Amino acid sequence: MRVPRTFAFTDLSGFTNYTAAFGDDAAGRLLGAFRSLARDIASERGVRIAKWLGDGCMVVSVNQEACIAFALDLEHRSAEVCAPLTLRIGIASGHALLFEGDDYIGSAVNMAARLCDAAGPFEILIPTMQIERLPQGVTAMPHEALVLRGFPGEVEVVQLTGALESDGADTSEL
């Protein structure tokens, strides 16, 4: 079944070097803190962590704004929790094949993964043509077009920045 979804891939840049410099135990503690933070924010924003990918994750959402809010919130809050590592994120939306009930296959999934790979430290990249509506306080900043493996030609992208404005939702009692 093909379903419309927004996907985000996250990656902690420098994790391998951090592990080499500080050891497996320190890396495990940092990764545990990152995963706990990601789970908390996913719950707050109404997105699902579809799978853990070592020092990153794949997130799926039925709502693009929620996925963008998750990404920006995770980027801001992980800056302290995961220091000295930096986070990079790629986001893409589109129809994907729901595969075996719990996985997704399709161009949007691949695009989000490639954008994550191409992102720099503290960058959240999304294709310009896929932006539906940005959450309050989020700005799309110009970014150079990218050539992404598996996609023909250049892909026009923007970098998402800003500070999320409160949406008035109170989930503290849930």
N, C-alpha and C. Protein backbone atom coordinates (compact mmCIF):
# COMPACT_ATOMS: atom_id res chain seq x y z
N MET A 1 0.83 -1.16 0.00
CA MET A 1 0.00 0.00 0.00
C MET A 1 0.89 1.25 0.00
N ARG A 2 0.58 2.20 -0.90
CA ARG A 2 1.33 3.46 -0.96
C ARG A 2 0.64 4.49 -0.07
N VAL A 3 1.44 5.15 0.76
CA VAL A 3 0.88 6.10 1.72
C VAL A 3 1.69 7.40 1.68
N PRO A 4 1.03 8.55 1.88
CA PRO A 4 1.76 9.81 1.95
C PRO A 4 2.39 9.96 3.34
N ARG A 5 3.69 10.25 3.37
CA ARG A 5 4.40 10.39 4.64
C ARG A 5 5.53 11.41 4.48
N THR A 6 6.00 11.90 5.60
CA THR A 6 7.23 12.70 5.65
C THR A 6 8.25 11.90 6.44
N PHE A 7 9.47 11.86 5.91
CA PHE A 7 10.54 11.10 6.53
C PHE A 7 11.68 12.03 6.93
N ALA A 8 12.32 11.72 8.03
CA ALA A 8 13.52 12.44 8.45
C ALA A 8 14.57 11.41 8.84
N PHE A 9 15.78 11.65 8.39
CA PHE A 9 16.92 10.85 8.83
C PHE A 9 17.82 11.76 9.63
N THR A 10 18.31 11.26 10.76
CA THR A 10 19.22 12.03 11.60
C THR A 10 20.54 11.28 11.72
N ASP A 11 21.61 12.03 11.97
CA ASP A 11 22.92 11.43 12.14
C ASP A 11 23.76 12.28 13.08
N LEU A 12 24.38 11.65 14.06
CA LEU A 12 25.32 12.33 14.93
C LEU A 12 26.69 12.32 14.25
N SER A 13 27.11 13.46 13.77
CA SER A 13 28.39 13.55 13.07
C SER A 13 29.55 13.48 14.06
N GLY A 14 30.53 12.66 13.72
CA GLY A 14 31.72 12.54 14.55
C GLY A 14 31.64 11.43 15.58
N PHE A 15 30.61 10.60 15.52
CA PHE A 15 30.43 9.55 16.52
C PHE A 15 31.57 8.53 16.50
N THR A 16 32.02 8.14 15.33
CA THR A 16 33.11 7.16 15.23
C THR A 16 34.38 7.71 15.87
N ASN A 17 34.72 8.95 15.56
CA ASN A 17 35.91 9.57 16.15
C ASN A 17 35.76 9.75 17.66
N TYR A 18 34.56 10.09 18.10
CA TYR A 18 34.28 10.24 19.53
C TYR A 18 34.51 8.91 20.24
N THR A 19 34.02 7.83 19.64
CA THR A 19 34.19 6.50 20.23
C THR A 19 35.67 6.15 20.33
N ALA A 20 36.43 6.45 19.28
CA ALA A 20 37.86 6.16 19.28
C ALA A 20 38.59 6.97 20.34
N ALA A 21 38.19 8.21 20.53
CA ALA A 21 38.89 9.10 21.47
C ALA A 21 38.49 8.85 22.92
N PHE A 22 37.21 8.56 23.17
CA PHE A 22 36.73 8.48 24.56
C PHE A 22 36.31 7.09 25.00
N GLY A 23 36.26 6.13 24.07
CA GLY A 23 35.95 4.76 24.43
C GLY A 23 34.48 4.39 24.25
N ASP A 24 34.25 3.10 24.25
CA ASP A 24 32.91 2.57 24.02
C ASP A 24 31.92 2.98 25.10
N ASP A 25 32.35 3.00 26.37
CA ASP A 25 31.43 3.33 27.45
C ASP A 25 30.93 4.76 27.33
N ALA A 26 31.83 5.70 27.08
CA ALA A 26 31.43 7.11 26.92
C ALA A 26 30.53 7.26 25.70
N ALA A 27 30.87 6.58 24.62
CA ALA A 27 30.04 6.65 23.41
C ALA A 27 28.66 6.07 23.67
N GLY A 28 28.60 4.98 24.43
CA GLY A 28 27.32 4.37 24.78
C GLY A 28 26.45 5.30 25.62
N ARG A 29 27.07 6.00 26.56
CA ARG A 29 26.31 6.96 27.38
C ARG A 29 25.77 8.10 26.53
N LEU A 30 26.61 8.63 25.64
CA LEU A 30 26.17 9.72 24.77
C LEU A 30 25.05 9.26 23.85
N LEU A 31 25.20 8.07 23.27
CA LEU A 31 24.16 7.54 22.38
C LEU A 31 22.87 7.28 23.14
N GLY A 32 22.97 6.79 24.36
CA GLY A 32 21.79 6.58 25.19
C GLY A 32 21.06 7.89 25.47
N ALA A 33 21.82 8.95 25.75
CA ALA A 33 21.22 10.26 25.99
C ALA A 33 20.54 10.78 24.73
N PHE A 34 21.19 10.59 23.58
CA PHE A 34 20.60 11.02 22.31
C PHE A 34 19.29 10.28 22.03
N ARG A 35 19.31 8.97 22.20
CA ARG A 35 18.11 8.19 21.92
C ARG A 35 16.97 8.54 22.87
N SER A 36 17.27 8.76 24.13
CA SER A 36 16.26 9.15 25.10
C SER A 36 15.64 10.50 24.71
N LEU A 37 16.49 11.44 24.31
CA LEU A 37 16.02 12.75 23.88
C LEU A 37 15.15 12.62 22.63
N ALA A 38 15.60 11.83 21.66
CA ALA A 38 14.84 11.64 20.42
C ALA A 38 13.47 11.02 20.71
N ARG A 39 13.43 10.02 21.61
CA ARG A 39 12.15 9.39 21.97
C ARG A 39 11.21 10.40 22.63
N ASP A 40 11.75 11.22 23.53
CA ASP A 40 10.93 12.22 24.22
C ASP A 40 10.34 13.21 23.22
N ILE A 41 11.18 13.72 22.33
CA ILE A 41 10.72 14.72 21.36
C ILE A 41 9.74 14.10 20.37
N ALA A 42 10.00 12.87 19.94
CA ALA A 42 9.06 12.20 19.03
C ALA A 42 7.69 12.09 19.68
N SER A 43 7.65 11.75 20.95
CA SER A 43 6.39 11.64 21.67
C SER A 43 5.71 13.01 21.78
N GLU A 44 6.48 14.04 22.07
CA GLU A 44 5.93 15.39 22.18
C GLU A 44 5.39 15.90 20.85
N ARG A 45 6.04 15.54 19.75
CA ARG A 45 5.69 16.08 18.44
C ARG A 45 4.77 15.19 17.62
N GLY A 46 4.49 13.99 18.10
CA GLY A 46 3.55 13.12 17.39
C GLY A 46 4.13 12.47 16.14
N VAL A 47 5.43 12.16 16.18
CA VAL A 47 6.07 11.44 15.09
C VAL A 47 6.54 10.09 15.63
N ARG A 48 6.90 9.19 14.72
CA ARG A 48 7.34 7.86 15.14
C ARG A 48 8.76 7.60 14.70
N ILE A 49 9.57 7.10 15.61
CA ILE A 49 10.91 6.64 15.23
C ILE A 49 10.72 5.26 14.63
N ALA A 50 10.91 5.18 13.32
CA ALA A 50 10.68 3.92 12.61
C ALA A 50 11.79 2.92 12.85
N LYS A 51 13.02 3.44 12.96
CA LYS A 51 14.15 2.55 13.23
C LYS A 51 15.35 3.34 13.69
N TRP A 52 16.17 2.68 14.49
CA TRP A 52 17.45 3.26 14.92
C TRP A 52 18.51 2.82 13.93
N LEU A 53 19.38 3.73 13.58
CA LEU A 53 20.43 3.47 12.60
C LEU A 53 21.79 3.79 13.22
N GLY A 54 22.20 2.99 14.18
CA GLY A 54 23.47 3.25 14.87
C GLY A 54 23.38 4.56 15.63
N ASP A 55 24.09 5.59 15.13
CA ASP A 55 24.11 6.89 15.80
C ASP A 55 23.09 7.86 15.20
N GLY A 56 22.03 7.33 14.66
CA GLY A 56 20.97 8.15 14.08
C GLY A 56 19.67 7.38 14.08
N CYS A 57 18.69 7.96 13.42
CA CYS A 57 17.39 7.28 13.34
C CYS A 57 16.64 7.72 12.09
N MET A 58 15.63 6.93 11.77
CA MET A 58 14.69 7.26 10.70
C MET A 58 13.35 7.54 11.37
N VAL A 59 12.79 8.71 11.05
CA VAL A 59 11.53 9.14 11.64
C VAL A 59 10.48 9.19 10.53
N VAL A 60 9.27 8.82 10.86
CA VAL A 60 8.16 8.88 9.89
C VAL A 60 7.00 9.65 10.54
N SER A 61 6.34 10.44 9.71
CA SER A 61 5.23 11.25 10.20
C SER A 61 4.14 11.36 9.14
N VAL A 62 2.92 11.43 9.58
CA VAL A 62 1.81 11.68 8.66
C VAL A 62 1.64 13.18 8.44
N ASN A 63 2.36 14.00 9.19
CA ASN A 63 2.23 15.44 9.13
C ASN A 63 3.61 16.08 8.97
N GLN A 64 3.82 16.80 7.85
CA GLN A 64 5.13 17.39 7.59
C GLN A 64 5.53 18.41 8.65
N GLU A 65 4.59 19.24 9.09
CA GLU A 65 4.92 20.24 10.11
C GLU A 65 5.42 19.59 11.39
N ALA A 66 4.80 18.49 11.79
CA ALA A 66 5.23 17.78 13.00
C ALA A 66 6.64 17.24 12.83
N CYS A 67 6.95 16.73 11.65
CA CYS A 67 8.29 16.19 11.39
C CYS A 67 9.34 17.30 11.42
N ILE A 68 9.00 18.43 10.83
CA ILE A 68 9.92 19.58 10.84
C ILE A 68 10.13 20.07 12.27
N ALA A 69 9.04 20.15 13.04
CA ALA A 69 9.15 20.59 14.43
C ALA A 69 10.02 19.62 15.22
N PHE A 70 9.85 18.31 14.99
CA PHE A 70 10.69 17.30 15.64
C PHE A 70 12.16 17.57 15.31
N ALA A 71 12.45 17.76 14.03
CA ALA A 71 13.84 17.94 13.59
C ALA A 71 14.47 19.18 14.22
N LEU A 72 13.77 20.28 14.21
CA LEU A 72 14.31 21.51 14.77
C LEU A 72 14.49 21.40 16.28
N ASP A 73 13.51 20.82 16.94
CA ASP A 73 13.59 20.63 18.39
C ASP A 73 14.76 19.71 18.74
N LEU A 74 14.91 18.61 18.01
CA LEU A 74 16.01 17.68 18.26
C LEU A 74 17.35 18.36 18.01
N GLU A 75 17.44 19.12 16.95
CA GLU A 75 18.69 19.82 16.66
C GLU A 75 19.07 20.76 17.80
N HIS A 76 18.13 21.55 18.27
CA HIS A 76 18.41 22.52 19.33
C HIS A 76 18.75 21.84 20.65
N ARG A 77 17.95 20.86 21.04
CA ARG A 77 18.14 20.23 22.34
C ARG A 77 19.33 19.27 22.38
N SER A 78 19.70 18.71 21.23
CA SER A 78 20.85 17.80 21.21
C SER A 78 22.18 18.54 21.23
N ALA A 79 22.17 19.82 20.91
CA ALA A 79 23.42 20.59 20.89
C ALA A 79 24.13 20.52 22.23
N GLU A 80 23.38 20.55 23.31
CA GLU A 80 23.98 20.46 24.64
C GLU A 80 24.16 19.01 25.07
N VAL A 81 23.12 18.20 24.88
CA VAL A 81 23.13 16.81 25.34
C VAL A 81 24.21 15.99 24.64
N CYS A 82 24.45 16.27 23.36
CA CYS A 82 25.36 15.44 22.57
C CYS A 82 26.71 16.10 22.29
N ALA A 83 26.96 17.27 22.87
CA ALA A 83 28.25 17.94 22.65
C ALA A 83 29.38 17.00 23.02
N PRO A 84 30.45 16.96 22.25
CA PRO A 84 30.84 17.86 21.17
C PRO A 84 30.36 17.44 19.78
N LEU A 85 29.48 16.44 19.70
CA LEU A 85 29.00 15.98 18.40
C LEU A 85 27.94 16.93 17.86
N THR A 86 27.77 16.91 16.56
CA THR A 86 26.76 17.75 15.91
C THR A 86 25.75 16.86 15.21
N LEU A 87 24.57 17.40 15.02
CA LEU A 87 23.50 16.65 14.38
C LEU A 87 23.27 17.18 12.98
N ARG A 88 22.96 16.28 12.06
CA ARG A 88 22.56 16.68 10.71
C ARG A 88 21.30 15.89 10.38
N ILE A 89 20.40 16.55 9.60
CA ILE A 89 19.10 15.95 9.34
C ILE A 89 18.68 16.21 7.90
N GLY A 90 18.08 15.21 7.27
CA GLY A 90 17.47 15.35 5.97
C GLY A 90 16.00 14.99 6.07
N ILE A 91 15.15 15.78 5.41
CA ILE A 91 13.71 15.56 5.44
C ILE A 91 13.19 15.52 4.00
N ALA A 92 12.24 14.63 3.73
CA ALA A 92 11.57 14.59 2.43
C ALA A 92 10.17 14.03 2.61
N SER A 93 9.27 14.48 1.74
CA SER A 93 7.87 14.04 1.79
C SER A 93 7.46 13.43 0.47
N GLY A 94 6.51 12.53 0.51
CA GLY A 94 5.97 11.93 -0.70
C GLY A 94 5.30 10.61 -0.38
N HIS A 95 4.83 9.95 -1.41
CA HIS A 95 4.21 8.64 -1.24
C HIS A 95 5.31 7.58 -1.14
N ALA A 96 5.09 6.64 -0.24
CA ALA A 96 6.03 5.54 -0.07
C ALA A 96 5.24 4.24 0.07
N LEU A 97 5.89 3.17 -0.27
CA LEU A 97 5.29 1.85 -0.15
C LEU A 97 5.47 1.38 1.29
N LEU A 98 4.35 1.11 1.97
CA LEU A 98 4.41 0.52 3.30
C LEU A 98 4.73 -0.95 3.09
N PHE A 99 5.90 -1.37 3.52
CA PHE A 99 6.44 -2.69 3.22
C PHE A 99 6.39 -3.57 4.45
N GLU A 100 5.72 -4.69 4.35
CA GLU A 100 5.58 -5.67 5.42
C GLU A 100 5.07 -5.06 6.72
N GLY A 101 4.28 -4.00 6.60
CA GLY A 101 3.60 -3.42 7.75
C GLY A 101 4.39 -2.51 8.65
N ASP A 102 5.73 -2.48 8.50
CA ASP A 102 6.50 -1.65 9.43
C ASP A 102 7.72 -0.98 8.80
N ASP A 103 7.84 -1.01 7.50
CA ASP A 103 8.97 -0.37 6.83
C ASP A 103 8.45 0.39 5.62
N TYR A 104 9.26 1.28 5.12
CA TYR A 104 8.85 2.11 3.99
C TYR A 104 9.90 2.06 2.90
N ILE A 105 9.42 2.02 1.65
CA ILE A 105 10.29 2.01 0.49
C ILE A 105 9.81 3.08 -0.47
N GLY A 106 10.74 3.85 -1.02
CA GLY A 106 10.33 4.83 -2.01
C GLY A 106 11.29 5.99 -2.12
N SER A 107 11.01 6.82 -3.08
CA SER A 107 11.85 7.95 -3.39
C SER A 107 11.98 8.93 -2.22
N ALA A 108 10.89 9.18 -1.52
CA ALA A 108 10.94 10.13 -0.39
C ALA A 108 11.86 9.62 0.72
N VAL A 109 11.82 8.32 0.97
CA VAL A 109 12.70 7.72 1.98
C VAL A 109 14.16 7.90 1.56
N ASN A 110 14.44 7.56 0.30
CA ASN A 110 15.82 7.67 -0.20
C ASN A 110 16.29 9.12 -0.22
N MET A 111 15.40 10.04 -0.59
CA MET A 111 15.75 11.46 -0.63
C MET A 111 16.12 11.96 0.76
N ALA A 112 15.33 11.62 1.77
CA ALA A 112 15.62 12.06 3.14
C ALA A 112 16.98 11.53 3.60
N ALA A 113 17.26 10.27 3.28
CA ALA A 113 18.55 9.68 3.67
C ALA A 113 19.72 10.38 2.97
N ARG A 114 19.57 10.66 1.68
CA ARG A 114 20.65 11.33 0.93
C ARG A 114 20.86 12.77 1.42
N LEU A 115 19.76 13.45 1.75
CA LEU A 115 19.89 14.81 2.27
C LEU A 115 20.59 14.82 3.63
N CYS A 116 20.32 13.83 4.45
CA CYS A 116 21.02 13.72 5.73
C CYS A 116 22.51 13.54 5.49
N ASP A 117 22.86 12.68 4.54
CA ASP A 117 24.27 12.46 4.20
C ASP A 117 24.94 13.75 3.73
N ALA A 118 24.19 14.58 3.00
CA ALA A 118 24.75 15.80 2.41
C ALA A 118 24.77 16.99 3.39
N ALA A 119 23.98 16.91 4.44
CA ALA A 119 23.88 18.02 5.40
C ALA A 119 25.18 18.20 6.16
N GLY A 120 25.45 19.44 6.50
CA GLY A 120 26.60 19.76 7.35
C GLY A 120 26.18 19.78 8.81
N PRO A 121 27.12 20.10 9.69
CA PRO A 121 26.79 20.17 11.12
C PRO A 121 25.65 21.15 11.38
N PHE A 122 24.68 20.72 12.18
CA PHE A 122 23.51 21.52 12.56
C PHE A 122 22.70 21.99 11.36
N GLU A 123 22.69 21.21 10.27
CA GLU A 123 21.86 21.55 9.11
C GLU A 123 20.66 20.61 9.02
N ILE A 124 19.53 21.19 8.68
CA ILE A 124 18.32 20.43 8.38
C ILE A 124 17.96 20.80 6.95
N LEU A 125 18.05 19.83 6.03
CA LEU A 125 17.80 20.08 4.62
C LEU A 125 16.49 19.43 4.17
N ILE A 126 15.77 20.14 3.27
CA ILE A 126 14.52 19.64 2.71
C ILE A 126 14.42 20.16 1.27
N PRO A 127 13.91 19.36 0.34
CA PRO A 127 13.73 19.85 -1.03
C PRO A 127 12.77 21.05 -1.06
N THR A 128 13.15 22.08 -1.78
CA THR A 128 12.36 23.30 -1.86
C THR A 128 10.93 23.01 -2.31
N MET A 129 10.78 22.19 -3.32
CA MET A 129 9.46 21.93 -3.91
C MET A 129 8.55 21.08 -3.01
N GLN A 130 9.09 20.50 -1.96
CA GLN A 130 8.27 19.65 -1.10
C GLN A 130 7.72 20.37 0.13
N ILE A 131 8.11 21.60 0.36
CA ILE A 131 7.65 22.30 1.55
C ILE A 131 6.15 22.59 1.41
N GLU A 132 5.40 22.10 2.38
CA GLU A 132 3.96 22.32 2.40
C GLU A 132 3.63 23.55 3.24
N ARG A 133 4.04 23.54 4.48
CA ARG A 133 3.82 24.65 5.39
C ARG A 133 4.80 24.52 6.54
N LEU A 134 5.47 25.62 6.86
CA LEU A 134 6.46 25.58 7.93
C LEU A 134 5.81 25.94 9.27
N PRO A 135 6.26 25.28 10.34
CA PRO A 135 5.76 25.66 11.67
C PRO A 135 6.12 27.11 11.99
N GLN A 136 5.35 27.75 12.87
CA GLN A 136 5.62 29.11 13.28
C GLN A 136 7.04 29.22 13.84
N GLY A 137 7.78 30.22 13.37
CA GLY A 137 9.14 30.46 13.85
C GLY A 137 10.22 29.79 13.01
N VAL A 138 9.84 28.96 12.04
CA VAL A 138 10.80 28.25 11.20
C VAL A 138 10.95 28.99 9.87
N THR A 139 12.20 29.13 9.44
CA THR A 139 12.52 29.83 8.20
C THR A 139 13.27 28.91 7.26
N ALA A 140 12.97 29.02 5.97
CA ALA A 140 13.69 28.28 4.93
C ALA A 140 14.76 29.20 4.36
N MET A 141 16.01 28.84 4.58
CA MET A 141 17.14 29.64 4.11
C MET A 141 17.71 29.03 2.83
N PRO A 142 18.14 29.88 1.90
CA PRO A 142 18.71 29.36 0.65
C PRO A 142 19.91 28.44 0.92
N HIS A 143 20.02 27.41 0.11
CA HIS A 143 21.13 26.45 0.18
C HIS A 143 21.49 26.11 -1.26
N GLU A 144 22.72 25.80 -1.50
CA GLU A 144 23.11 25.43 -2.86
C GLU A 144 22.40 24.14 -3.28
N ALA A 145 22.10 24.05 -4.56
CA ALA A 145 21.49 22.83 -5.10
C ALA A 145 22.46 21.67 -4.92
N LEU A 146 21.93 20.48 -4.76
CA LEU A 146 22.76 19.30 -4.50
C LEU A 146 22.57 18.24 -5.56
N VAL A 147 23.63 17.54 -5.87
CA VAL A 147 23.55 16.34 -6.68
C VAL A 147 23.55 15.17 -5.71
N LEU A 148 22.46 14.41 -5.72
CA LEU A 148 22.30 13.31 -4.78
C LEU A 148 22.33 11.98 -5.52
N ARG A 149 23.10 11.05 -5.01
CA ARG A 149 23.22 9.73 -5.61
C ARG A 149 21.84 9.11 -5.77
N GLY A 150 21.55 8.62 -6.97
CA GLY A 150 20.28 7.97 -7.24
C GLY A 150 19.19 8.90 -7.75
N PHE A 151 19.48 10.19 -7.82
CA PHE A 151 18.50 11.16 -8.30
C PHE A 151 19.09 11.92 -9.49
N PRO A 152 18.31 12.08 -10.56
CA PRO A 152 18.83 12.76 -11.75
C PRO A 152 18.94 14.27 -11.54
N GLY A 153 20.02 14.86 -11.99
CA GLY A 153 20.19 16.31 -11.94
C GLY A 153 20.36 16.83 -10.53
N GLU A 154 20.30 18.17 -10.44
CA GLU A 154 20.44 18.82 -9.16
C GLU A 154 19.09 18.88 -8.45
N VAL A 155 19.13 18.83 -7.14
CA VAL A 155 17.93 18.95 -6.32
C VAL A 155 18.02 20.29 -5.59
N GLU A 156 17.00 21.12 -5.79
CA GLU A 156 16.93 22.41 -5.10
C GLU A 156 16.50 22.15 -3.65
N VAL A 157 17.31 22.63 -2.71
CA VAL A 157 17.02 22.42 -1.30
C VAL A 157 17.13 23.73 -0.53
N VAL A 158 16.54 23.72 0.64
CA VAL A 158 16.68 24.82 1.58
C VAL A 158 17.11 24.24 2.93
N GLN A 159 17.70 25.12 3.73
CA GLN A 159 18.06 24.75 5.10
C GLN A 159 17.02 25.36 6.03
N LEU A 160 16.49 24.55 6.94
CA LEU A 160 15.50 25.03 7.89
C LEU A 160 16.19 25.52 9.16
N THR A 161 15.83 26.72 9.58
CA THR A 161 16.40 27.30 10.79
C THR A 161 15.29 27.99 11.57
N GLY A 162 15.64 28.47 12.74
CA GLY A 162 14.70 29.25 13.54
C GLY A 162 14.46 28.63 14.89
N ALA A 163 13.53 29.23 15.59
CA ALA A 163 13.12 28.74 16.90
C ALA A 163 11.62 28.52 16.87
N LEU A 164 11.21 27.34 17.25
CA LEU A 164 9.79 27.00 17.24
C LEU A 164 9.03 27.87 18.21
N GLU A 165 7.91 28.38 17.76
CA GLU A 165 7.02 29.11 18.65
C GLU A 165 6.10 28.10 19.31
N SER A 166 5.73 28.34 20.53
CA SER A 166 4.85 27.43 21.25
C SER A 166 3.54 27.30 20.49
N ASP A 167 3.07 26.07 20.37
CA ASP A 167 1.81 25.83 19.67
C ASP A 167 0.63 25.77 20.64
N GLY A 168 0.92 26.00 21.91
CA GLY A 168 -0.15 26.01 22.91
C GLY A 168 -0.59 24.63 23.35
N ALA A 169 -0.05 23.58 22.75
CA ALA A 169 -0.44 22.23 23.14
C ALA A 169 0.27 21.86 24.44
N ASP A 170 -0.48 21.34 25.37
CA ASP A 170 0.10 20.93 26.64
C ASP A 170 -0.02 19.42 26.75
N THR A 171 1.12 18.76 26.59
CA THR A 171 1.11 17.29 26.69
C THR A 171 1.76 16.84 27.98
N SER A 172 2.01 17.75 28.91
CA SER A 172 2.73 17.40 30.12
C SER A 172 1.98 16.41 31.00
N GLU A 173 0.66 16.36 30.89
CA GLU A 173 -0.11 15.46 31.72
C GLU A 173 -0.42 14.13 31.04
N LEU A 174 -0.01 13.97 29.78
CA LEU A 174 -0.31 12.73 29.08
C LEU A 174 0.57 11.61 29.52
